[in-house]
Amino acid sequence: MRLKERFSSNFGVRASGHRPGGSGGGDVFLSVVIPAFNEEARIGETLRKIRAYLETRPDPFEIIVVGDGCRDRTCAVAAACLREEGRDRVLERSENRGKGRAVAEGVAAARGGLILFSDADLSTPIEEIEKLLPLAGEGFDVVIGSRALPDSDVQVRQRRPRESMGKIFNVLVRLLVLPGIRDTQCGFKLFRREAARDIFPRLRIDGFSFDVEALYLARKRGWRIAQAPVIWRNSPRSRVRIVRSSAAMLRDLLRIRRLHRHDAF
């Protein structure tokens, strides 16, 4: 496996005052990690939207795109969009290992006191981080966007078979692994740097169920988790295949406890 960084440099602006990310992030308040697989058609617009919003905030930030063995020009397009900002980076994997592995590598490279990972389709708009940041400020270590809370706003729904699959999966998650977590699969999650650096190196699942494993480890290791209602709009280009992905995700749920049964918590 080869992981190539297209460009990188230090960002020398120091955040002033107390920030909820703690001191571990150095000069960067927020890192945004975007896993991407064959996203050439939309990665440019995604990055422009994220940058336009973050530039309205006073806090130093960085954007990290992790190309997961892309077979198109995703990484080249991302690098062109980020070229003027030396603090941003594109990490390029030579092989496709899965979304979970891509997020974990982005987390390992992140310098922010807070680390957000967001899906490349921006199904949850970047502005929704305003709902997560106050909870991090209250002391929560992991804050997850949720489509299943009373104040959540699902503006574009999935097709009925896919939505039904998601609801069944979430019920199984609560029964088997994570009671009390209403939605583990929304691709919009915020971590304190210390929590992320503790959780992600321990992940054993590289595919779509990595979110469940990450939250399972967070809870077992004593990190505080909060759920926040967010806006969500379905992307018609989802890569989840109903039958194949459902079977794989069910297998992963049954594996998670077994994979970590000997871990010291």
C-alpha atoms as a PDB file:
ATOM      1  CA  MET A   1       0.000   0.000   0.000  1.00  0.00           C
ATOM      2  CA  ARG A   2       1.200   3.484  -0.871  1.00  0.00           C
ATOM      3  CA  LEU A   3      -0.102   6.662   0.739  1.00  0.00           C
ATOM      4  CA  LYS A   4       1.073   9.808  -1.017  1.00  0.00           C
ATOM      5  CA  GLU A   5       0.651  13.365   0.219  1.00  0.00           C
ATOM      6  CA  ARG A   6       0.323  15.735  -2.709  1.00  0.00           C
ATOM      7  CA  PHE A   7       1.310  18.821  -0.746  1.00  0.00           C
ATOM      8  CA  SER A   8       1.621  20.071   2.807  1.00  0.00           C
ATOM      9  CA  SER A   9       2.910  22.995   4.813  1.00  0.00           C
ATOM     10  CA  ASN A  10       2.530  24.451   8.273  1.00  0.00           C
ATOM     11  CA  PHE A  11      -0.184  26.968   9.047  1.00  0.00           C
ATOM     12  CA  GLY A  12       1.283  29.580  11.351  1.00  0.00           C
ATOM     13  CA  VAL A  13      -1.818  31.290  12.803  1.00  0.00           C
ATOM     14  CA  ARG A  14      -2.473  30.574  16.450  1.00  0.00           C
ATOM     15  CA  ALA A  15      -6.020  30.348  17.744  1.00  0.00           C
ATOM     16  CA  SER A  16      -6.558  32.774  20.590  1.00  0.00           C
ATOM     17  CA  GLY A  17      -8.417  32.100  23.822  1.00  0.00           C
ATOM     18  CA  HIS A  18      -9.885  28.833  25.123  1.00  0.00           C
ATOM     19  CA  ARG A  19     -11.204  26.459  22.489  1.00  0.00           C
ATOM     20  CA  PRO A  20     -13.101  23.209  23.068  1.00  0.00           C
ATOM     21  CA  GLY A  21     -10.515  21.161  21.183  1.00  0.00           C
ATOM     22  CA  GLY A  22      -7.929  21.504  23.941  1.00  0.00           C
ATOM     23  CA  SER A  23      -4.254  22.169  23.377  1.00  0.00           C
ATOM     24  CA  GLY A  24      -3.430  19.087  21.321  1.00  0.00           C
ATOM     25  CA  GLY A  25      -4.198  20.668  17.951  1.00  0.00           C
ATOM     26  CA  GLY A  26      -1.476  23.318  18.042  1.00  0.00           C
ATOM     27  CA  ASP A  27      -2.207  26.084  15.540  1.00  0.00           C
ATOM     28  CA  VAL A  28      -5.299  24.512  13.952  1.00  0.00           C
ATOM     29  CA  PHE A  29      -8.693  24.669  15.643  1.00  0.00           C
ATOM     30  CA  LEU A  30     -10.661  22.451  13.232  1.00  0.00           C
ATOM     31  CA  SER A  31      -9.600  19.727  10.796  1.00  0.00           C
ATOM     32  CA  VAL A  32     -12.162  18.597   8.223  1.00  0.00           C
ATOM     33  CA  VAL A  33     -11.452  15.083   6.913  1.00  0.00           C
ATOM     34  CA  ILE A  34     -13.187  14.034   3.690  1.00  0.00           C
ATOM     35  CA  PRO A  35     -12.848  10.412   2.524  1.00  0.00           C
ATOM     36  CA  ALA A  36     -13.316  10.170  -1.238  1.00  0.00           C
ATOM     37  CA  PHE A  37     -13.595   7.355  -3.756  1.00  0.00           C
ATOM     38  CA  ASN A  38     -14.109   8.320  -7.419  1.00  0.00           C
ATOM     39  CA  GLU A  39     -15.612  11.706  -6.544  1.00  0.00           C
ATOM     40  CA  GLU A  40     -14.131  13.668  -9.463  1.00  0.00           C
ATOM     41  CA  ALA A  41     -17.538  15.029 -10.478  1.00  0.00           C
ATOM     42  CA  ARG A  42     -18.365  16.680  -7.156  1.00  0.00           C
ATOM     43  CA  ILE A  43     -15.255  17.018  -4.996  1.00  0.00           C
ATOM     44  CA  GLY A  44     -14.454  20.457  -6.381  1.00  0.00           C
ATOM     45  CA  GLU A  45     -17.844  21.918  -5.494  1.00  0.00           C
ATOM     46  CA  THR A  46     -17.744  20.220  -2.097  1.00  0.00           C
ATOM     47  CA  LEU A  47     -14.397  21.798  -1.264  1.00  0.00           C
ATOM     48  CA  ARG A  48     -15.507  25.219  -2.449  1.00  0.00           C
ATOM     49  CA  LYS A  49     -18.574  25.080  -0.203  1.00  0.00           C
ATOM     50  CA  ILE A  50     -16.580  23.933   2.824  1.00  0.00           C
ATOM     51  CA  ARG A  51     -13.910  26.602   2.344  1.00  0.00           C
ATOM     52  CA  ALA A  52     -16.438  29.382   1.726  1.00  0.00           C
ATOM     53  CA  TYR A  53     -18.196  28.570   5.000  1.00  0.00           C
ATOM     54  CA  LEU A  54     -15.101  28.023   7.148  1.00  0.00           C
ATOM     55  CA  GLU A  55     -13.590  31.296   5.971  1.00  0.00           C
ATOM     56  CA  THR A  56     -16.511  33.093   7.638  1.00  0.00           C
ATOM     57  CA  ARG A  57     -15.387  31.743  10.999  1.00  0.00           C
ATOM     58  CA  PRO A  58     -12.522  33.242  13.039  1.00  0.00           C
ATOM     59  CA  ASP A  59     -10.825  29.944  13.857  1.00  0.00           C
ATOM     60  CA  PRO A  60      -7.866  28.457  11.926  1.00  0.00           C
ATOM     61  CA  PHE A  61      -8.822  25.323  10.001  1.00  0.00           C
ATOM     62  CA  GLU A  62      -7.467  22.743   7.577  1.00  0.00           C
ATOM     63  CA  ILE A  63      -9.093  20.461   5.012  1.00  0.00           C
ATOM     64  CA  ILE A  64      -7.765  16.951   4.393  1.00  0.00           C
ATOM     65  CA  VAL A  65      -9.046  14.897   1.456  1.00  0.00           C
ATOM     66  CA  VAL A  66      -8.171  11.195   1.527  1.00  0.00           C
ATOM     67  CA  GLY A  67      -8.418   9.565  -1.898  1.00  0.00           C
ATOM     68  CA  ASP A  68      -9.185   5.894  -1.297  1.00  0.00           C
ATOM     69  CA  GLY A  69      -7.637   4.241  -4.345  1.00  0.00           C
ATOM     70  CA  CYS A  70      -9.538   6.465  -6.775  1.00  0.00           C
ATOM     71  CA  ARG A  71      -9.559   5.419 -10.428  1.00  0.00           C
ATOM     72  CA  ASP A  72     -10.519   8.866 -11.674  1.00  0.00           C
ATOM     73  CA  ARG A  73      -9.115  12.388 -11.156  1.00  0.00           C
ATOM     74  CA  THR A  74     -10.535  12.935  -7.671  1.00  0.00           C
ATOM     75  CA  CYS A  75      -7.164  13.676  -6.092  1.00  0.00           C
ATOM     76  CA  ALA A  76      -5.975  15.897  -8.921  1.00  0.00           C
ATOM     77  CA  VAL A  77      -9.177  17.955  -8.804  1.00  0.00           C
ATOM     78  CA  ALA A  78      -8.984  18.224  -5.014  1.00  0.00           C
ATOM     79  CA  ALA A  79      -5.329  19.257  -5.166  1.00  0.00           C
ATOM     80  CA  ALA A  80      -6.131  21.955  -7.727  1.00  0.00           C
ATOM     81  CA  CYS A  81      -8.932  23.319  -5.515  1.00  0.00           C
ATOM     82  CA  LEU A  82      -6.717  23.412  -2.425  1.00  0.00           C
ATOM     83  CA  ARG A  83      -3.456  24.499  -4.054  1.00  0.00           C
ATOM     84  CA  GLU A  84      -3.626  28.110  -2.866  1.00  0.00           C
ATOM     85  CA  GLU A  85      -3.973  27.079   0.771  1.00  0.00           C
ATOM     86  CA  GLY A  86      -0.776  25.441   2.007  1.00  0.00           C
ATOM     87  CA  ARG A  87      -2.328  24.163   5.217  1.00  0.00           C
ATOM     88  CA  ASP A  88      -4.696  21.852   3.293  1.00  0.00           C
ATOM     89  CA  ARG A  89      -3.674  18.442   2.038  1.00  0.00           C
ATOM     90  CA  VAL A  90      -4.695  15.626  -0.267  1.00  0.00           C
ATOM     91  CA  LEU A  91      -3.636  12.142   0.806  1.00  0.00           C
ATOM     92  CA  GLU A  92      -3.732   9.633  -2.017  1.00  0.00           C
ATOM     93  CA  ARG A  93      -3.965   5.879  -1.416  1.00  0.00           C
ATOM     94  CA  SER A  94      -2.803   3.572  -4.171  1.00  0.00           C
ATOM     95  CA  GLU A  95      -5.478   0.974  -3.360  1.00  0.00           C
ATOM     96  CA  ASN A  96      -9.085   1.036  -2.245  1.00  0.00           C
ATOM     97  CA  ARG A  97      -9.341  -0.144   1.368  1.00  0.00           C
ATOM     98  CA  GLY A  98     -12.676   1.333   2.415  1.00  0.00           C
ATOM     99  CA  LYS A  99     -14.145   4.457   3.929  1.00  0.00           C
ATOM    100  CA  GLY A 100     -13.159   3.547   7.487  1.00  0.00           C
ATOM    101  CA  ARG A 101      -9.492   3.194   6.614  1.00  0.00           C
ATOM    102  CA  ALA A 102      -9.557   6.475   4.685  1.00  0.00           C
ATOM    103  CA  VAL A 103     -11.084   8.351   7.631  1.00  0.00           C
ATOM    104  CA  ALA A 104      -8.567   6.793  10.037  1.00  0.00           C
ATOM    105  CA  GLU A 105      -5.653   7.971   7.875  1.00  0.00           C
ATOM    106  CA  GLY A 106      -7.135  11.448   7.655  1.00  0.00           C
ATOM    107  CA  VAL A 107      -7.494  11.544  11.436  1.00  0.00           C
ATOM    108  CA  ALA A 108      -3.867  10.462  11.848  1.00  0.00           C
ATOM    109  CA  ALA A 109      -2.768  13.375   9.648  1.00  0.00           C
ATOM    110  CA  ALA A 110      -5.053  15.961  11.258  1.00  0.00           C
ATOM    111  CA  ARG A 111      -3.590  18.751  13.401  1.00  0.00           C
ATOM    112  CA  GLY A 112      -6.825  20.280  14.683  1.00  0.00           C
ATOM    113  CA  GLY A 113      -7.994  20.299  18.268  1.00  0.00           C
ATOM    114  CA  LEU A 114     -11.335  19.219  16.812  1.00  0.00           C
ATOM    115  CA  ILE A 115     -11.666  16.801  13.895  1.00  0.00           C
ATOM    116  CA  LEU A 116     -14.799  16.611  11.754  1.00  0.00           C
ATOM    117  CA  PHE A 117     -15.276  13.936   9.177  1.00  0.00           C
ATOM    118  CA  SER A 118     -17.794  14.650   6.470  1.00  0.00           C
ATOM    119  CA  ASP A 119     -18.982  12.649   3.505  1.00  0.00           C
ATOM    120  CA  ALA A 120     -17.854  13.988   0.139  1.00  0.00           C
ATOM    121  CA  ASP A 121     -21.452  14.463  -1.022  1.00  0.00           C
ATOM    122  CA  LEU A 122     -22.210  16.955   1.788  1.00  0.00           C
ATOM    123  CA  SER A 123     -25.537  15.264   2.476  1.00  0.00           C
ATOM    124  CA  THR A 124     -25.257  17.155   5.740  1.00  0.00           C
ATOM    125  CA  PRO A 125     -24.300  20.752   4.844  1.00  0.00           C
ATOM    126  CA  ILE A 126     -21.064  21.972   6.403  1.00  0.00           C
ATOM    127  CA  GLU A 127     -22.988  24.771   8.167  1.00  0.00           C
ATOM    128  CA  GLU A 128     -24.549  22.134  10.427  1.00  0.00           C
ATOM    129  CA  ILE A 129     -21.304  22.038  12.395  1.00  0.00           C
ATOM    130  CA  GLU A 130     -22.797  24.992  14.274  1.00  0.00           C
ATOM    131  CA  LYS A 131     -25.044  22.452  15.998  1.00  0.00           C
ATOM    132  CA  LEU A 132     -22.119  20.215  16.969  1.00  0.00           C
ATOM    133  CA  LEU A 133     -19.588  22.758  18.216  1.00  0.00           C
ATOM    134  CA  PRO A 134     -21.587  23.908  21.285  1.00  0.00           C
ATOM    135  CA  LEU A 135     -21.785  20.304  22.505  1.00  0.00           C
ATOM    136  CA  ALA A 136     -18.023  19.943  22.135  1.00  0.00           C
ATOM    137  CA  GLY A 137     -17.749  23.175  24.115  1.00  0.00           C
ATOM    138  CA  GLU A 138     -19.845  21.588  26.873  1.00  0.00           C
ATOM    139  CA  GLY A 139     -17.271  18.820  27.229  1.00  0.00           C
ATOM    140  CA  PHE A 140     -18.513  16.051  24.959  1.00  0.00           C
ATOM    141  CA  ASP A 141     -15.677  14.179  23.247  1.00  0.00           C
ATOM    142  CA  VAL A 142     -17.659  12.835  20.283  1.00  0.00           C
ATOM    143  CA  VAL A 143     -20.622  14.670  18.746  1.00  0.00           C
ATOM    144  CA  ILE A 144     -22.505  12.908  15.970  1.00  0.00           C
ATOM    145  CA  GLY A 145     -24.988  14.323  13.503  1.00  0.00           C
ATOM    146  CA  SER A 146     -28.261  12.410  13.586  1.00  0.00           C
ATOM    147  CA  ARG A 147     -31.147  12.053  11.156  1.00  0.00           C
ATOM    148  CA  ALA A 148     -33.303  10.293  13.740  1.00  0.00           C
ATOM    149  CA  LEU A 149     -33.888  12.873  16.484  1.00  0.00           C
ATOM    150  CA  PRO A 150     -37.126  14.856  16.857  1.00  0.00           C
ATOM    151  CA  ASP A 151     -35.528  18.060  15.503  1.00  0.00           C
ATOM    152  CA  SER A 152     -33.659  16.381  12.632  1.00  0.00           C
ATOM    153  CA  ASP A 153     -34.597  17.679   9.188  1.00  0.00           C
ATOM    154  CA  VAL A 154     -34.450  15.061   6.424  1.00  0.00           C
ATOM    155  CA  GLN A 155     -35.152  17.230   3.389  1.00  0.00           C
ATOM    156  CA  VAL A 156     -34.530  14.669   0.642  1.00  0.00           C
ATOM    157  CA  ARG A 157     -35.372  11.130   1.631  1.00  0.00           C
ATOM    158  CA  GLN A 158     -33.877   7.886   0.372  1.00  0.00           C
ATOM    159  CA  ARG A 159     -35.842   5.469  -1.768  1.00  0.00           C
ATOM    160  CA  ARG A 160     -38.104   3.348   0.387  1.00  0.00           C
ATOM    161  CA  PRO A 161     -36.092   0.063   0.206  1.00  0.00           C
ATOM    162  CA  ARG A 162     -32.876   1.870   1.177  1.00  0.00           C
ATOM    163  CA  GLU A 163     -34.570   3.832   3.951  1.00  0.00           C
ATOM    164  CA  SER A 164     -36.136   0.648   5.331  1.00  0.00           C
ATOM    165  CA  MET A 165     -32.753  -1.068   5.265  1.00  0.00           C
ATOM    166  CA  GLY A 166     -31.258   1.818   7.241  1.00  0.00           C
ATOM    167  CA  LYS A 167     -33.991   1.696   9.880  1.00  0.00           C
ATOM    168  CA  ILE A 168     -33.596  -2.050  10.343  1.00  0.00           C
ATOM    169  CA  PHE A 169     -29.821  -1.657  10.595  1.00  0.00           C
ATOM    170  CA  ASN A 170     -30.182   1.042  13.260  1.00  0.00           C
ATOM    171  CA  VAL A 171     -32.506  -1.175  15.294  1.00  0.00           C
ATOM    172  CA  LEU A 172     -29.953  -3.988  15.139  1.00  0.00           C
ATOM    173  CA  VAL A 173     -27.175  -1.578  16.147  1.00  0.00           C
ATOM    174  CA  ARG A 174     -29.132  -0.550  19.253  1.00  0.00           C
ATOM    175  CA  LEU A 175     -29.953  -4.153  20.130  1.00  0.00           C
ATOM    176  CA  LEU A 176     -26.520  -5.654  19.535  1.00  0.00           C
ATOM    177  CA  VAL A 177     -23.918  -2.942  20.009  1.00  0.00           C
ATOM    178  CA  LEU A 178     -24.965   0.610  20.921  1.00  0.00           C
ATOM    179  CA  PRO A 179     -28.173   1.047  22.902  1.00  0.00           C
ATOM    180  CA  GLY A 180     -29.336   4.641  22.890  1.00  0.00           C
ATOM    181  CA  ILE A 181     -27.644   5.752  19.647  1.00  0.00           C
ATOM    182  CA  ARG A 182     -30.422   6.505  17.161  1.00  0.00           C
ATOM    183  CA  ASP A 183     -28.335   6.973  13.991  1.00  0.00           C
ATOM    184  CA  THR A 184     -24.761   5.759  13.610  1.00  0.00           C
ATOM    185  CA  GLN A 185     -24.456   6.160   9.834  1.00  0.00           C
ATOM    186  CA  CYS A 186     -24.861   9.879   9.224  1.00  0.00           C
ATOM    187  CA  GLY A 187     -21.527  10.941   7.714  1.00  0.00           C
ATOM    188  CA  PHE A 188     -21.016  14.004   9.883  1.00  0.00           C
ATOM    189  CA  LYS A 189     -19.155  13.405  13.145  1.00  0.00           C
ATOM    190  CA  LEU A 190     -16.996  15.631  15.321  1.00  0.00           C
ATOM    191  CA  PHE A 191     -14.252  14.341  17.618  1.00  0.00           C
ATOM    192  CA  ARG A 192     -11.943  15.959  20.090  1.00  0.00           C
ATOM    193  CA  ARG A 193      -8.443  15.256  18.875  1.00  0.00           C
ATOM    194  CA  GLU A 194      -7.545  13.227  21.966  1.00  0.00           C
ATOM    195  CA  ALA A 195     -10.587  10.985  21.526  1.00  0.00           C
ATOM    196  CA  ALA A 196     -10.046  10.534  17.788  1.00  0.00           C
ATOM    197  CA  ARG A 197      -6.375   9.619  18.264  1.00  0.00           C
ATOM    198  CA  ASP A 198      -7.412   7.039  20.868  1.00  0.00           C
ATOM    199  CA  ILE A 199     -10.269   5.511  18.860  1.00  0.00           C
ATOM    200  CA  PHE A 200      -9.286   5.374  15.196  1.00  0.00           C
ATOM    201  CA  PRO A 201      -5.989   3.465  15.480  1.00  0.00           C
ATOM    202  CA  ARG A 202      -7.988   0.670  17.157  1.00  0.00           C
ATOM    203  CA  LEU A 203     -10.474   0.223  14.311  1.00  0.00           C
ATOM    204  CA  ARG A 204     -10.529  -3.203  12.691  1.00  0.00           C
ATOM    205  CA  ILE A 205     -13.357  -2.596  10.221  1.00  0.00           C
ATOM    206  CA  ASP A 206     -12.528  -0.682   7.050  1.00  0.00           C
ATOM    207  CA  GLY A 207     -15.959  -0.619   5.398  1.00  0.00           C
ATOM    208  CA  PHE A 208     -19.239   1.214   5.970  1.00  0.00           C
ATOM    209  CA  SER A 209     -19.732  -0.182   9.492  1.00  0.00           C
ATOM    210  CA  PHE A 210     -16.635   1.558  10.818  1.00  0.00           C
ATOM    211  CA  ASP A 211     -18.883   4.256  12.328  1.00  0.00           C
ATOM    212  CA  VAL A 212     -20.484   1.694  14.615  1.00  0.00           C
ATOM    213  CA  GLU A 213     -17.128   0.319  15.694  1.00  0.00           C
ATOM    214  CA  ALA A 214     -15.770   3.815  16.349  1.00  0.00           C
ATOM    215  CA  LEU A 215     -18.743   4.719  18.549  1.00  0.00           C
ATOM    216  CA  TYR A 216     -18.604   1.344  20.303  1.00  0.00           C
ATOM    217  CA  LEU A 217     -14.941   1.963  21.159  1.00  0.00           C
ATOM    218  CA  ALA A 218     -15.651   5.547  22.195  1.00  0.00           C
ATOM    219  CA  ARG A 219     -18.265   4.390  24.686  1.00  0.00           C
ATOM    220  CA  LYS A 220     -16.195   1.486  25.988  1.00  0.00           C
ATOM    221  CA  ARG A 221     -13.169   3.710  26.482  1.00  0.00           C
ATOM    222  CA  GLY A 222     -15.120   6.285  28.437  1.00  0.00           C
ATOM    223  CA  TRP A 223     -15.376   9.115  25.915  1.00  0.00           C
ATOM    224  CA  ARG A 224     -18.565  11.164  26.200  1.00  0.00           C
ATOM    225  CA  ILE A 225     -20.888  10.971  23.180  1.00  0.00           C
ATOM    226  CA  ALA A 226     -23.611  13.450  22.218  1.00  0.00           C
ATOM    227  CA  GLN A 227     -26.131  13.358  19.376  1.00  0.00           C
ATOM    228  CA  ALA A 228     -27.204  16.475  17.479  1.00  0.00           C
ATOM    229  CA  PRO A 229     -30.117  16.823  15.034  1.00  0.00           C
ATOM    230  CA  VAL A 230     -28.958  17.917  11.591  1.00  0.00           C
ATOM    231  CA  ILE A 231     -30.235  18.667   8.120  1.00  0.00           C
ATOM    232  CA  TRP A 232     -29.728  15.768   5.736  1.00  0.00           C
ATOM    233  CA  ARG A 233     -30.372  15.437   2.004  1.00  0.00           C
ATOM    234  CA  ASN A 234     -30.018  12.084   0.315  1.00  0.00           C
ATOM    235  CA  SER A 235     -27.460  11.846  -2.458  1.00  0.00           C
ATOM    236  CA  PRO A 236     -28.716   9.697  -5.352  1.00  0.00           C
ATOM    237  CA  ARG A 237     -25.125   8.567  -6.021  1.00  0.00           C
ATOM    238  CA  SER A 238     -24.805   6.508  -2.823  1.00  0.00           C
ATOM    239  CA  ARG A 239     -22.332   3.622  -3.119  1.00  0.00           C
ATOM    240  CA  VAL A 240     -24.220   1.410  -0.651  1.00  0.00           C
ATOM    241  CA  ARG A 241     -25.696  -1.588  -2.489  1.00  0.00           C
ATOM    242  CA  ILE A 242     -28.764  -2.806  -0.639  1.00  0.00           C
ATOM    243  CA  VAL A 243     -28.326  -6.599  -0.635  1.00  0.00           C
ATOM    244  CA  ARG A 244     -24.530  -6.879  -0.630  1.00  0.00           C
ATOM    245  CA  SER A 245     -23.931  -4.002   1.784  1.00  0.00           C
ATOM    246  CA  SER A 246     -26.690  -5.139   4.156  1.00  0.00           C
ATOM    247  CA  ALA A 247     -25.167  -8.598   4.492  1.00  0.00           C
ATOM    248  CA  ALA A 248     -21.671  -7.184   5.039  1.00  0.00           C
ATOM    249  CA  MET A 249     -22.851  -4.661   7.619  1.00  0.00           C
ATOM    250  CA  LEU A 250     -24.772  -7.317   9.548  1.00  0.00           C
ATOM    251  CA  ARG A 251     -21.639  -9.488   9.633  1.00  0.00           C
ATOM    252  CA  ASP A 252     -19.688  -6.506  10.923  1.00  0.00           C
ATOM    253  CA  LEU A 253     -22.168  -5.900  13.737  1.00  0.00           C
ATOM    254  CA  LEU A 254     -21.755  -9.487  14.873  1.00  0.00           C
ATOM    255  CA  ARG A 255     -17.948  -9.110  14.685  1.00  0.00           C
ATOM    256  CA  ILE A 256     -17.495  -5.899  16.653  1.00  0.00           C
ATOM    257  CA  ARG A 257     -17.845  -7.333  20.155  1.00  0.00           C
ATOM    258  CA  ARG A 258     -15.726 -10.335  19.221  1.00  0.00           C
ATOM    259  CA  LEU A 259     -12.982  -8.193  17.683  1.00  0.00           C
ATOM    260  CA  HIS A 260     -12.564  -6.203  20.901  1.00  0.00           C
ATOM    261  CA  ARG A 261     -13.371  -8.776  23.550  1.00  0.00           C
ATOM    262  CA  HIS A 262      -9.738  -8.896  24.731  1.00  0.00           C
ATOM    263  CA  ASP A 263      -9.175  -5.132  24.657  1.00  0.00           C
ATOM    264  CA  ALA A 264      -8.295  -3.403  27.905  1.00  0.00           C
ATOM    265  CA  PHE A 265     -10.926  -0.717  28.522  1.00  0.00           C
END
